[in-house]
């Protein structure tokens, strides 16, 4: 600010802010985007054991949150989405008459939900607003791994997938959930595990409580086009990886959150899970039978049971990142290839083959959208981008080192993965997707036949692949609901604010940083809507040399304000 003021002395003018405090005070006084943070505390309320009482039973856990109702209303009224929003469910078709699935509102779930809402005459003509949620733990201190946060994000299904992937205010930080911890001696205690699950579901139910009235009675809301509409809210979809899906659906690990396929035979098929079916089983069987025979945690109620028309088993979204890219490709297929090489050739020769595979990967020529790996694939921590880049060069790298059926299994899976990542998926594409899945299931048995997977390949993340056709028809293209959206949001909402903090009681500083960033984003949209930034757009469209000359020679107070 002092340097800025020095440039304005010859004009007898001053910069718009006197210093950092003045700047922050101006941001804090801005009413736009102002959704204050609140908190509530929860704790264990059951019987305490005799003798030593575990610390988790006497601790209180704070949950910080912002009213998601106000956040969603601000998204609905954001004029920046005017050309990228759907006000009603629809069915799209291409020129050949094939049904198209792209954005959330083009799927069957939104269509069926609108039909269900329309059964109430008071809701006729109301605009459906599906609420999309996502949660995922993240660690900010890389060296110690001791600072964990559990953010909850929110979005709406009306905006297009590209807007959600680019964020643009369409993915908002709603809350920081509690992470209860205990000593190793109590980590597997049944009471602690039940408390941890119930804490999660009770917190979500409490945070989302303000949506309840608007789920049955239409609410008048100002929309993106400056018109007022009557809206009805619904819990639309939940973005989560597999462990989080089990926590959400109250399903035991290694069971499927969407169907009743047996844990030891996931590919054997099973009926679709539903809220009604789960409640029926809980009324008829004891907890042990529910756990062993149906994979259900019978002593915890999902948070969706507190909301009308919500079924947690139906709203679990597909997860391209953890199910396909990091899961089936990196954790399963690539690992199985290494296991095959060591089992067939011994450690010394297998390492030589792996070195040759790395040389082939490193020899990939430079090409557009093709990432190079100068050291091969031997890096310790894989990101999603690493896995996606390696998928493009891994198949030719292992050719000649593994049986042909392994190559065919890789090829079929890669075809499935690339089709599922399309921005627009048609019924014809779904037929191709099913064909690739059938071939993958046919050829992956080579890993079982060679003893690499003696217990079979029926793993929960691979078992999710057959559900993709159903999920695409329900929610549109999976790239609009992938956990990579929440993973990338971690950077702006969690990791960068943490780095800016003093690292001492950092959460309060992170909350303030996020609140100020939201206000700045809301102000920018408001300025653009009012035409205050048109001159800025004109300046950025000038030729570089003209812009440079203008800024150097004609640095007037008016220019600085613009």
Protein backbone atom coordinates (compact mmCIF):
# COMPACT_ATOMS: atom_id res chain seq x y z
CA UNK A 1 0.00 0.00 0.00
CA UNK A 2 2.90 2.36 0.70
CA UNK A 3 4.35 1.72 -2.76
CA UNK A 4 0.94 2.25 -4.30
CA UNK A 5 0.55 5.52 -2.36
CA UNK A 6 3.97 6.68 -3.55
CA UNK A 7 2.90 6.36 -7.19
CA UNK A 8 -0.13 8.59 -6.49
CA UNK A 9 1.65 11.46 -4.73
CA UNK A 10 2.04 13.44 -7.94
CA UNK A 11 -1.73 13.28 -8.41
CA UNK A 12 -2.39 14.32 -4.80
CA UNK A 13 -4.39 11.12 -4.38
CA UNK A 14 -4.37 8.09 -2.06
CA UNK A 15 -4.90 4.35 -2.58
CA UNK A 16 -8.32 2.88 -1.76
CA UNK A 17 -7.01 1.14 1.40
CA UNK A 18 -4.71 2.56 4.05
CA UNK A 19 -3.29 -0.83 4.97
CA UNK A 20 -4.01 -4.48 5.67
CA UNK A 21 -6.41 -3.75 8.55
CA UNK A 22 -8.39 -1.29 6.44
CA UNK A 23 -8.60 -3.86 3.63
CA UNK A 24 -9.79 -6.64 5.95
CA UNK A 25 -12.31 -4.35 7.63
CA UNK A 26 -13.75 -3.46 4.23
CA UNK A 27 -14.08 -7.13 3.30
CA UNK A 28 -15.63 -8.01 6.67
CA UNK A 29 -18.22 -5.22 6.36
CA UNK A 30 -19.38 -6.51 2.97
CA UNK A 31 -22.90 -7.97 3.30
CA UNK A 32 -22.64 -10.04 0.10
CA UNK A 33 -21.76 -13.68 0.68
CA UNK A 34 -21.96 -13.22 4.43
CA UNK A 35 -22.93 -16.58 5.95
CA UNK A 36 -21.46 -16.62 9.47
CA UNK A 37 -19.94 -19.68 11.08
CA UNK A 38 -21.72 -21.35 13.97
CA UNK A 39 -20.87 -24.28 16.18
CA UNK A 40 -22.43 -26.92 18.39
CA UNK A 41 -20.91 -29.52 20.67
CA UNK A 42 -21.70 -33.20 21.02
CA UNK A 43 -20.51 -35.89 23.39
CA UNK A 44 -21.10 -39.42 24.58
CA UNK A 45 -24.29 -39.79 26.64
CA UNK A 46 -24.27 -43.51 27.41
CA UNK A 47 -23.34 -45.34 30.57
CA UNK A 48 -19.77 -44.95 31.81
CA UNK A 49 -17.86 -48.13 32.67
CA UNK A 50 -16.54 -48.90 36.14
CA UNK A 51 -12.90 -48.10 36.72
CA UNK A 52 -10.93 -46.31 34.02
CA UNK A 53 -13.15 -44.24 31.72
CA UNK A 54 -11.86 -43.79 28.16
CA UNK A 55 -11.15 -40.17 27.28
CA UNK A 56 -13.47 -40.24 24.26
CA UNK A 57 -16.45 -40.82 26.56
CA UNK A 58 -15.86 -37.62 28.52
CA UNK A 59 -14.68 -35.37 25.67
CA UNK A 60 -16.82 -32.86 23.83
CA UNK A 61 -16.51 -32.55 20.07
CA UNK A 62 -17.12 -29.25 18.29
CA UNK A 63 -18.71 -29.08 14.85
CA UNK A 64 -18.35 -25.78 13.00
CA UNK A 65 -20.84 -25.10 10.21
CA UNK A 66 -22.53 -22.43 8.14
CA UNK A 67 -26.23 -22.47 7.41
CA UNK A 68 -26.35 -24.59 4.22
CA UNK A 69 -29.80 -23.23 3.45
CA UNK A 70 -28.39 -19.72 2.98
CA UNK A 71 -25.42 -21.05 0.99
CA UNK A 72 -27.65 -22.98 -1.41
CA UNK A 73 -29.95 -19.98 -1.82
CA UNK A 74 -26.96 -17.83 -2.78
CA UNK A 75 -25.98 -20.45 -5.40
CA UNK A 76 -29.49 -20.43 -6.84
CA UNK A 77 -29.36 -16.65 -7.10
CA UNK A 78 -25.88 -16.44 -8.60
CA UNK A 79 -26.23 -14.61 -11.96
CA UNK A 80 -22.92 -16.10 -13.09
CA UNK A 81 -24.76 -19.40 -13.76
CA UNK A 82 -27.41 -17.92 -16.05
CA UNK A 83 -26.25 -19.90 -19.09
CA UNK A 84 -25.16 -22.98 -17.15
CA UNK A 85 -28.18 -24.05 -15.14
CA UNK A 86 -31.27 -26.25 -15.61
CA UNK A 87 -34.47 -25.23 -13.88
CA UNK A 88 -36.26 -28.52 -14.52
CA UNK A 89 -35.43 -32.17 -15.23
CA UNK A 90 -35.25 -33.03 -18.91
CA UNK A 91 -34.48 -35.86 -21.31
CA UNK A 92 -32.05 -35.03 -24.10
CA UNK A 93 -31.54 -36.92 -27.37
CA UNK A 94 -28.89 -36.70 -30.07
CA UNK A 95 -29.52 -36.42 -33.80
CA UNK A 96 -29.81 -40.21 -34.09
CA UNK A 97 -32.47 -40.44 -31.42
CA UNK A 98 -30.21 -41.85 -28.69
CA UNK A 99 -30.87 -40.67 -25.14
CA UNK A 100 -28.08 -38.42 -23.83
CA UNK A 101 -26.86 -38.23 -20.24
CA UNK A 102 -24.70 -35.25 -19.33
CA UNK A 103 -25.66 -32.91 -16.49
CA UNK A 104 -27.35 -33.97 -13.28
CA UNK A 105 -30.83 -32.84 -14.33
CA UNK A 106 -30.67 -34.98 -17.49
CA UNK A 107 -30.72 -38.19 -15.41
CA UNK A 108 -33.65 -40.32 -14.35
CA UNK A 109 -33.30 -39.54 -10.65
CA UNK A 110 -34.26 -35.87 -11.09
CA UNK A 111 -37.13 -36.86 -13.42
CA UNK A 112 -38.53 -39.39 -10.94
CA UNK A 113 -38.03 -37.03 -8.00
CA UNK A 114 -40.00 -34.32 -9.80
CA UNK A 115 -42.82 -36.83 -10.41
CA UNK A 116 -42.83 -37.68 -6.70
CA UNK A 117 -42.96 -34.02 -5.70
CA UNK A 118 -45.76 -33.33 -8.19
CA UNK A 119 -48.05 -35.73 -6.30
CA UNK A 120 -48.64 -32.84 -3.89
CA UNK A 121 -50.88 -30.24 -5.62
CA UNK A 122 -49.25 -27.43 -3.62
CA UNK A 123 -45.89 -28.25 -5.24
CA UNK A 124 -47.06 -28.01 -8.86
CA UNK A 125 -44.79 -25.74 -10.86
CA UNK A 126 -42.08 -25.65 -8.21
CA UNK A 127 -38.44 -25.81 -9.25
CA UNK A 128 -36.56 -28.89 -8.02
CA UNK A 129 -33.23 -28.05 -6.33
CA UNK A 130 -31.21 -31.24 -5.67
CA UNK A 131 -28.66 -30.76 -2.88
CA UNK A 132 -25.34 -32.44 -3.63
CA UNK A 133 -23.10 -33.17 -0.65
CA UNK A 134 -19.55 -34.44 -0.37
CA UNK A 135 -17.19 -35.15 2.52
CA UNK A 136 -13.66 -36.46 2.77
CA UNK A 137 -10.95 -36.28 5.42
CA UNK A 138 -7.76 -34.50 4.48
CA UNK A 139 -4.36 -34.02 6.11
CA UNK A 140 -2.62 -30.66 5.93
CA UNK A 141 0.68 -31.44 7.71
CA UNK A 142 2.45 -33.75 5.30
CA UNK A 143 5.43 -34.58 7.50
CA UNK A 144 3.62 -35.57 10.70
CA UNK A 145 0.15 -36.35 9.35
CA UNK A 146 -1.20 -35.13 12.66
CA UNK A 147 -3.45 -32.25 11.53
CA UNK A 148 -6.59 -33.71 10.02
CA UNK A 149 -9.76 -31.94 8.98
CA UNK A 150 -13.11 -33.35 7.93
CA UNK A 151 -14.78 -30.84 5.60
CA UNK A 152 -18.33 -31.12 4.30
CA UNK A 153 -19.08 -29.52 0.92
CA UNK A 154 -22.35 -28.62 -0.75
CA UNK A 155 -23.55 -27.90 -4.27
CA UNK A 156 -26.75 -27.99 -6.32
CA UNK A 157 -27.68 -30.36 -9.12
CA UNK A 158 -29.10 -27.58 -11.29
CA UNK A 159 -25.71 -26.23 -12.39
CA UNK A 160 -23.89 -27.96 -15.24
CA UNK A 161 -21.08 -30.41 -14.58
CA UNK A 162 -18.41 -28.13 -16.03
CA UNK A 163 -19.38 -25.38 -13.57
CA UNK A 164 -19.11 -27.77 -10.64
CA UNK A 165 -15.76 -29.11 -11.81
CA UNK A 166 -14.44 -25.56 -12.20
CA UNK A 167 -16.00 -24.64 -8.82
CA UNK A 168 -16.92 -21.01 -9.68
CA UNK A 169 -18.70 -20.87 -6.33
CA UNK A 170 -20.79 -23.95 -7.16
CA UNK A 171 -19.00 -26.05 -4.52
CA UNK A 172 -19.06 -24.43 -1.08
CA UNK A 173 -17.53 -25.38 2.25
CA UNK A 174 -20.41 -26.03 4.64
CA UNK A 175 -18.92 -27.55 7.78
CA UNK A 176 -15.98 -29.09 9.58
CA UNK A 177 -17.08 -32.40 11.05
CA UNK A 178 -15.59 -33.84 14.23
CA UNK A 179 -12.92 -36.55 14.14
CA UNK A 180 -13.13 -38.55 17.40
CA UNK A 181 -9.92 -40.34 18.32
CA UNK A 182 -8.94 -42.72 21.08
CA UNK A 183 -6.11 -44.93 22.29
CA UNK A 184 -5.26 -48.05 20.34
CA UNK A 185 -6.68 -50.20 23.12
CA UNK A 186 -10.14 -48.74 22.47
CA UNK A 187 -9.91 -48.25 18.67
CA UNK A 188 -11.80 -51.51 17.97
CA UNK A 189 -14.19 -51.14 20.89
CA UNK A 190 -17.79 -51.67 19.74
CA UNK A 191 -19.07 -48.71 21.76
CA UNK A 192 -16.48 -46.36 20.27
CA UNK A 193 -17.23 -47.46 16.71
CA UNK A 194 -20.96 -47.01 17.28
CA UNK A 195 -20.37 -43.56 18.80
CA UNK A 196 -18.20 -42.53 15.86
CA UNK A 197 -20.86 -43.58 13.35
CA UNK A 198 -23.71 -41.99 15.27
CA UNK A 199 -21.71 -38.78 15.72
CA UNK A 200 -21.28 -38.52 11.95
CA UNK A 201 -24.96 -39.07 11.13
CA UNK A 202 -26.28 -36.90 13.97
CA UNK A 203 -23.99 -34.06 12.91
CA UNK A 204 -25.19 -34.19 9.30
CA UNK A 205 -28.82 -34.29 10.41
CA UNK A 206 -28.30 -31.25 12.64
CA UNK A 207 -26.40 -29.27 9.99
CA UNK A 208 -29.02 -29.87 7.28
CA UNK A 209 -32.06 -29.40 9.53
CA UNK A 210 -33.00 -26.00 8.03
CA UNK A 211 -33.76 -27.67 4.70
CA UNK A 212 -36.64 -29.75 6.10
CA UNK A 213 -39.47 -27.21 5.70
CA UNK A 214 -38.43 -26.48 2.12
CA UNK A 215 -38.52 -30.18 1.21
CA UNK A 216 -42.31 -30.39 1.59
CA UNK A 217 -43.50 -26.79 1.23
CA UNK A 218 -42.33 -24.65 -1.73
CA UNK A 219 -40.16 -21.68 -0.83
CA UNK A 220 -39.93 -18.48 -2.90
CA UNK A 221 -36.30 -17.84 -3.87
CA UNK A 222 -34.61 -15.29 -6.12
CA UNK A 223 -32.95 -17.17 -8.96
CA UNK A 224 -29.96 -16.68 -11.24
CA UNK A 225 -32.01 -14.74 -13.85
CA UNK A 226 -33.32 -12.29 -11.24
CA UNK A 227 -36.76 -13.93 -11.30
CA UNK A 228 -38.47 -15.36 -8.24
CA UNK A 229 -39.44 -19.02 -8.29
CA UNK A 230 -41.02 -21.48 -5.91
CA UNK A 231 -38.43 -24.16 -5.14
CA UNK A 232 -38.49 -27.58 -3.47
CA UNK A 233 -35.28 -29.03 -2.01
CA UNK A 234 -34.24 -32.68 -2.12
CA UNK A 235 -31.14 -34.58 -1.06
CA UNK A 236 -29.83 -35.33 -4.52
CA UNK A 237 -26.47 -37.12 -4.34
CA UNK A 238 -23.54 -37.73 -2.01
CA UNK A 239 -19.92 -37.76 -3.23
CA UNK A 240 -17.71 -40.10 -1.19
CA UNK A 241 -15.04 -42.76 -1.51
CA UNK A 242 -15.73 -46.38 -0.54
CA UNK A 243 -14.99 -46.22 3.25
CA UNK A 244 -17.12 -43.08 3.46
CA UNK A 245 -19.90 -44.78 1.48
CA UNK A 246 -19.96 -47.62 4.03
CA UNK A 247 -20.16 -45.06 6.84
CA UNK A 248 -22.98 -43.21 5.10
CA UNK A 249 -25.07 -46.27 4.28
CA UNK A 250 -24.35 -48.07 7.59
CA UNK A 251 -22.96 -51.01 5.64
CA UNK A 252 -20.15 -53.26 6.85
CA UNK A 253 -16.78 -52.94 5.10
CA UNK A 254 -16.29 -55.24 2.06
CA UNK A 255 -20.04 -55.24 1.39
CA UNK A 256 -21.66 -53.22 -1.39
CA UNK A 257 -23.45 -50.00 -0.34
CA UNK A 258 -25.90 -50.31 -3.25
CA UNK A 259 -26.83 -54.00 -3.48
CA UNK A 260 -27.16 -57.06 -1.24
CA UNK A 261 -24.45 -59.13 -2.93
CA UNK A 262 -22.66 -61.32 -0.38
CA UNK A 263 -19.27 -60.18 0.87
CA UNK A 264 -17.51 -63.38 -0.22
CA UNK A 265 -19.24 -63.42 -3.61
CA UNK A 266 -19.81 -59.84 -4.72
CA UNK A 267 -20.05 -60.86 -8.36
CA UNK A 268 -22.79 -63.34 -7.50
CA UNK A 269 -25.40 -60.62 -7.76
CA UNK A 270 -27.92 -59.30 -5.30
CA UNK A 271 -31.02 -57.16 -4.98
CA UNK A 272 -30.95 -53.41 -4.73
CA UNK A 273 -30.66 -51.96 -1.24
CA UNK A 274 -33.29 -49.45 -0.22
CA UNK A 275 -34.50 -47.61 2.85
CA UNK A 276 -37.66 -49.72 3.04
CA UNK A 277 -35.76 -53.02 2.70
CA UNK A 278 -33.23 -52.01 5.37
CA UNK A 279 -35.94 -50.96 7.82
CA UNK A 280 -37.76 -54.27 7.24
CA UNK A 281 -34.60 -56.26 7.97
CA UNK A 282 -33.86 -54.23 11.10
CA UNK A 283 -37.35 -54.96 12.44
CA UNK A 284 -37.08 -58.72 11.83
CA UNK A 285 -33.49 -59.70 12.71
CA UNK A 286 -31.04 -59.19 15.54
CA UNK A 287 -27.88 -57.13 15.20
CA UNK A 288 -25.59 -60.15 14.74
CA UNK A 289 -27.69 -61.56 11.90
CA UNK A 290 -27.85 -58.15 10.20
CA UNK A 291 -24.07 -57.86 10.40
CA UNK A 292 -23.18 -61.38 9.23
CA UNK A 293 -25.93 -62.12 6.69
CA UNK A 294 -26.82 -58.70 5.25
CA UNK A 295 -23.77 -56.54 5.97
CA UNK A 296 -25.80 -53.96 7.88
CA UNK A 297 -24.89 -51.97 10.99
CA UNK A 298 -28.27 -52.25 12.66
CA UNK A 299 -27.75 -49.99 15.67
CA UNK A 300 -27.15 -46.75 13.70
CA UNK A 301 -29.77 -44.88 11.68
CA UNK A 302 -28.62 -43.03 8.50
CA UNK A 303 -29.07 -39.26 8.58
CA UNK A 304 -31.24 -39.41 5.45
CA UNK A 305 -34.04 -41.04 7.45
CA UNK A 306 -34.68 -37.63 8.99
CA UNK A 307 -35.56 -36.11 5.61
CA UNK A 308 -38.50 -36.75 3.26
CA UNK A 309 -38.02 -38.83 0.11
CA UNK A 310 -34.33 -39.43 0.94
CA UNK A 311 -32.75 -42.88 0.52
CA UNK A 312 -29.02 -43.04 1.19
CA UNK A 313 -28.57 -46.23 -0.86
CA UNK A 314 -29.97 -44.53 -3.97
CA UNK A 315 -28.09 -41.23 -3.77
CA UNK A 316 -24.54 -42.57 -3.44
CA UNK A 317 -22.68 -41.16 -6.46
CA UNK A 318 -20.17 -43.01 -8.68
CA UNK A 319 -16.53 -42.22 -7.95
CA UNK A 320 -14.24 -42.24 -10.97
CA UNK A 321 -11.18 -41.27 -8.95
CA UNK A 322 -11.18 -43.88 -6.20
CA UNK A 323 -13.12 -46.68 -7.88
CA UNK A 324 -11.54 -46.64 -11.36
CA UNK A 325 -8.36 -44.55 -11.52
CA UNK A 326 -6.78 -44.98 -8.10
CA UNK A 327 -8.67 -48.15 -7.21
CA UNK A 328 -9.00 -50.70 -10.01
CA UNK A 329 -6.10 -49.41 -12.12
CA UNK A 330 -3.43 -48.38 -9.63
CA UNK A 331 -4.20 -50.43 -6.50
CA UNK A 332 -5.37 -53.59 -8.27
CA UNK A 333 -4.20 -54.13 -11.86
CA UNK A 334 -0.77 -52.48 -11.62
CA UNK A 335 -0.12 -54.23 -8.29
CA UNK A 336 -1.25 -57.58 -9.71
CA UNK A 337 1.17 -57.24 -12.64
CA UNK A 338 4.01 -56.78 -10.17
CA UNK A 339 2.79 -59.78 -8.19
CA UNK A 340 2.66 -61.90 -11.35
CA UNK A 341 6.22 -60.95 -12.33
CA UNK A 342 7.65 -61.80 -8.90
CA UNK A 343 5.69 -65.05 -8.66
CA UNK A 344 6.71 -66.18 -12.18
CA UNK A 345 10.30 -64.96 -12.58
CA UNK A 346 11.63 -64.57 -9.05
CA UNK A 347 12.77 -61.36 -7.38
CA UNK A 348 15.97 -60.70 -9.37
CA UNK A 349 14.52 -61.24 -12.85
CA UNK A 350 11.24 -59.52 -11.92
CA UNK A 351 13.14 -56.39 -10.91
CA UNK A 352 14.92 -56.43 -14.27
CA UNK A 353 11.57 -56.62 -16.06
CA UNK A 354 10.17 -53.78 -13.95
CA UNK A 355 13.24 -51.71 -14.86
CA UNK A 356 12.55 -52.40 -18.52
CA UNK A 357 8.91 -51.35 -18.05
CA UNK A 358 10.14 -48.11 -16.46
CA UNK A 359 12.50 -47.51 -19.41
CA UNK A 360 9.61 -47.96 -21.84
CA UNK A 361 7.47 -45.51 -19.87
CA UNK A 362 10.33 -42.99 -19.76
CA UNK A 363 10.87 -43.37 -23.53
CA UNK A 364 7.39 -42.11 -24.38
CA UNK A 365 7.89 -39.21 -26.83
CA UNK A 366 6.66 -35.70 -26.02
CA UNK A 367 3.13 -35.18 -27.28
CA UNK A 368 0.18 -32.94 -26.51
CA UNK A 369 -1.71 -34.09 -23.37
CA UNK A 370 0.80 -36.90 -22.88
CA UNK A 371 2.74 -36.60 -19.66
CA UNK A 372 6.27 -37.96 -19.53
CA UNK A 373 7.71 -39.99 -16.64
CA UNK A 374 11.53 -39.66 -16.84
CA UNK A 375 11.99 -42.03 -13.88
CA UNK A 376 9.27 -44.49 -14.87
CA UNK A 377 6.37 -45.32 -12.64
CA UNK A 378 8.40 -45.78 -9.45
CA UNK A 379 7.19 -42.78 -7.44
CA UNK A 380 6.09 -43.20 -3.86
CA UNK A 381 2.87 -41.18 -3.69
CA UNK A 382 0.48 -41.29 -6.61
CA UNK A 383 -1.95 -38.48 -7.26
CA UNK A 384 -5.03 -38.86 -9.40
CA UNK A 385 -3.31 -36.97 -12.22
CA UNK A 386 -0.34 -39.36 -11.99
CA UNK A 387 -2.61 -42.37 -12.39
CA UNK A 388 -4.56 -40.83 -15.29
CA UNK A 389 -1.33 -39.95 -17.10
CA UNK A 390 0.19 -43.38 -16.51
CA UNK A 391 -2.92 -45.09 -17.92
CA UNK A 392 -2.07 -43.65 -21.34
CA UNK A 393 1.35 -45.30 -21.57
CA UNK A 394 1.16 -48.36 -19.31
CA UNK A 395 -0.41 -50.84 -21.73
CA UNK A 396 2.39 -50.75 -24.37
CA UNK A 397 4.98 -50.69 -21.57
CA UNK A 398 4.01 -54.15 -20.27
CA UNK A 399 3.45 -55.74 -23.71
CA UNK A 400 5.63 -58.83 -24.06
CA UNK A 401 6.16 -59.18 -20.30
CA UNK A 402 2.72 -60.50 -19.35
CA UNK A 403 0.27 -63.00 -20.89
CA UNK A 404 -2.02 -61.83 -23.66
CA UNK A 405 -5.13 -62.15 -21.49
CA UNK A 406 -3.65 -59.67 -19.02
CA UNK A 407 -3.19 -57.20 -21.85
CA UNK A 408 -6.76 -57.84 -22.95
CA UNK A 409 -7.99 -57.24 -19.38
CA UNK A 410 -6.06 -53.95 -19.24
CA UNK A 411 -7.38 -52.90 -22.63
CA UNK A 412 -11.00 -53.67 -21.69
CA UNK A 413 -10.70 -51.80 -18.40
CA UNK A 414 -9.08 -48.75 -20.01
CA UNK A 415 -11.84 -48.67 -22.59
CA UNK A 416 -14.44 -48.81 -19.81
CA UNK A 417 -12.66 -46.05 -17.91
CA UNK A 418 -12.34 -43.69 -20.88
CA UNK A 419 -15.98 -44.17 -21.88
CA UNK A 420 -17.15 -43.51 -18.31
CA UNK A 421 -15.17 -40.25 -18.29
CA UNK A 422 -16.99 -38.83 -21.36
CA UNK A 423 -18.74 -35.50 -20.87
CA UNK A 424 -21.79 -36.80 -22.76
CA UNK A 425 -22.87 -40.44 -22.61
CA UNK A 426 -25.58 -41.84 -24.87
CA UNK A 427 -27.48 -45.12 -24.84
CA UNK A 428 -25.19 -46.27 -27.63
CA UNK A 429 -22.20 -45.40 -25.47
CA UNK A 430 -23.71 -47.37 -22.59
CA UNK A 431 -23.86 -50.42 -24.83
CA UNK A 432 -20.14 -49.99 -25.55
CA UNK A 433 -19.54 -49.53 -21.81
CA UNK A 434 -21.31 -52.80 -21.05
CA UNK A 435 -19.30 -54.58 -23.76
CA UNK A 436 -16.02 -53.34 -22.29
CA UNK A 437 -17.13 -54.45 -18.81
CA UNK A 438 -18.05 -57.93 -20.06
CA UNK A 439 -14.64 -58.31 -21.70
CA UNK A 440 -12.88 -57.10 -18.56
CA UNK A 441 -14.72 -59.67 -16.44
CA UNK A 442 -13.90 -62.36 -19.01
CA UNK A 443 -10.14 -61.69 -19.15
CA UNK A 444 -9.41 -60.69 -15.56
CA UNK A 445 -9.86 -64.34 -14.55
CA UNK A 446 -6.26 -64.81 -15.70
CA UNK A 447 -5.18 -63.29 -12.38
CA UNK A 448 -7.18 -65.95 -10.54
CA UNK A 449 -5.94 -68.79 -12.77
CA UNK A 450 -2.30 -67.81 -12.19
CA UNK A 451 -2.76 -67.57 -8.43
CA UNK A 452 -2.30 -63.81 -8.19
CA UNK A 453 -5.79 -63.44 -6.70
CA UNK A 454 -6.53 -66.84 -5.16
CA UNK A 455 -9.57 -65.42 -3.32
CA UNK A 456 -11.04 -64.00 -6.53
CA UNK A 457 -11.24 -60.52 -8.03
CA UNK A 458 -14.56 -59.61 -6.41
CA UNK A 459 -13.34 -56.49 -4.57
CA UNK A 460 -15.80 -53.73 -3.58
CA UNK A 461 -14.25 -51.06 -5.81
CA UNK A 462 -14.23 -53.41 -8.80
CA UNK A 463 -17.71 -54.62 -7.92
CA UNK A 464 -18.91 -51.01 -8.32
CA UNK A 465 -18.24 -51.15 -12.09
CA UNK A 466 -21.48 -53.00 -13.00
CA UNK A 467 -23.44 -50.30 -11.14
CA UNK A 468 -22.11 -47.57 -13.43
CA UNK A 469 -24.73 -48.04 -16.11
CA UNK A 470 -27.50 -47.61 -13.56
CA UNK A 471 -25.75 -44.63 -11.94
CA UNK A 472 -25.16 -42.87 -15.27
CA UNK A 473 -28.83 -43.21 -16.13
CA UNK A 474 -29.71 -41.82 -12.70
CA UNK A 475 -27.26 -38.93 -12.30
CA UNK A 476 -25.81 -38.19 -15.75
CA UNK A 477 -22.11 -38.28 -16.66
CA UNK A 478 -20.00 -39.38 -13.65
CA UNK A 479 -17.39 -36.64 -14.11
CA UNK A 480 -19.83 -34.16 -12.55
CA UNK A 481 -20.00 -36.07 -9.26
CA UNK A 482 -16.46 -37.43 -8.91
CA UNK A 483 -14.56 -37.12 -5.63
CA UNK A 484 -11.80 -35.33 -7.58
CA UNK A 485 -14.08 -32.27 -7.24
CA UNK A 486 -13.90 -32.37 -3.45
CA UNK A 487 -10.21 -33.31 -3.55
CA UNK A 488 -9.38 -30.20 -5.57
CA UNK A 489 -11.62 -28.08 -3.33
CA UNK A 490 -9.43 -29.15 -0.40
CA UNK A 491 -6.63 -27.01 -1.82
CA UNK A 492 -8.52 -23.69 -1.77
CA UNK A 493 -10.74 -24.35 1.24
CA UNK A 494 -8.42 -26.26 3.59
CA UNK A 495 -4.76 -26.49 2.63
CA UNK A 496 -4.04 -22.96 1.47
CA UNK A 497 -5.92 -21.32 4.40
CA UNK A 498 -4.00 -23.62 6.76
CA UNK A 499 -0.68 -22.54 5.24
CA UNK A 500 -1.69 -18.89 5.66
CA UNK A 501 -2.53 -19.45 9.33
CA UNK A 502 -0.11 -19.33 12.25
CA UNK A 503 -0.68 -23.13 12.70
CA UNK A 504 -1.70 -22.45 16.31
CA UNK A 505 -5.43 -23.03 16.78
CA UNK A 506 -5.57 -22.79 13.02
CA UNK A 507 -9.23 -23.70 12.55
CA UNK A 508 -10.54 -20.28 13.59
CA UNK A 509 -8.16 -18.56 11.19
CA UNK A 510 -9.17 -20.95 8.40
CA UNK A 511 -12.84 -20.19 9.00
CA UNK A 512 -12.19 -16.46 8.72
CA UNK A 513 -10.13 -16.90 5.55
CA UNK A 514 -12.88 -18.93 3.89
CA UNK A 515 -15.52 -16.39 4.89
CA UNK A 516 -13.51 -13.53 3.39
CA UNK A 517 -12.82 -15.46 0.18
CA UNK A 518 -16.55 -16.16 -0.20
CA UNK A 519 -17.34 -12.49 0.26
CA UNK A 520 -14.79 -11.48 -2.36
CA UNK A 521 -16.22 -14.02 -4.81
CA UNK A 522 -19.76 -12.75 -4.20
CA UNK A 523 -18.66 -9.13 -4.63
CA UNK A 524 -16.91 -9.90 -7.89
CA UNK A 525 -20.06 -11.53 -9.29
CA UNK A 526 -22.13 -8.55 -8.15
CA UNK A 527 -19.71 -6.06 -9.73
CA UNK A 528 -19.74 -8.01 -13.00
CA UNK A 529 -23.55 -8.12 -13.01
CA UNK A 530 -23.75 -4.36 -12.49
CA UNK A 531 -21.25 -3.71 -15.28
CA UNK A 532 -18.55 -2.36 -12.97
CA UNK A 533 -15.88 -4.62 -14.46
CA UNK A 534 -16.57 -3.99 -18.16
CA UNK A 535 -13.68 -1.55 -18.43
CA UNK A 536 -11.42 -4.20 -16.92
CA UNK A 537 -12.55 -6.63 -19.61
CA UNK A 538 -11.77 -3.99 -22.24
CA UNK A 539 -8.27 -3.49 -20.88
CA UNK A 540 -7.47 -7.21 -20.85
CA UNK A 541 -8.53 -7.47 -24.50
CA UNK A 542 -6.00 -4.85 -25.64
CA UNK A 543 -2.86 -5.95 -27.40
CA UNK A 544 -0.05 -6.77 -24.93
CA UNK A 545 2.19 -3.92 -26.09
CA UNK A 546 -0.61 -1.37 -25.90
CA UNK A 547 -1.64 -2.60 -22.46
CA UNK A 548 1.96 -2.37 -21.24
CA UNK A 549 2.38 1.15 -22.59
CA UNK A 550 -0.93 2.21 -21.07
CA UNK A 551 -0.05 0.89 -17.63
CA UNK A 552 3.42 2.39 -17.65
CA UNK A 553 2.68 5.81 -19.11
CA UNK A 554 -0.89 6.59 -18.15
CA UNK A 555 -1.12 5.26 -14.58
CA UNK A 556 -3.87 7.62 -13.44
CA UNK A 557 -6.05 7.34 -10.33
CA UNK A 558 -9.00 6.42 -12.54
CA UNK A 559 -7.09 3.51 -14.01
CA UNK A 560 -6.14 2.31 -10.54
CA UNK A 561 -9.72 2.34 -9.34
CA UNK A 562 -10.75 0.32 -12.39
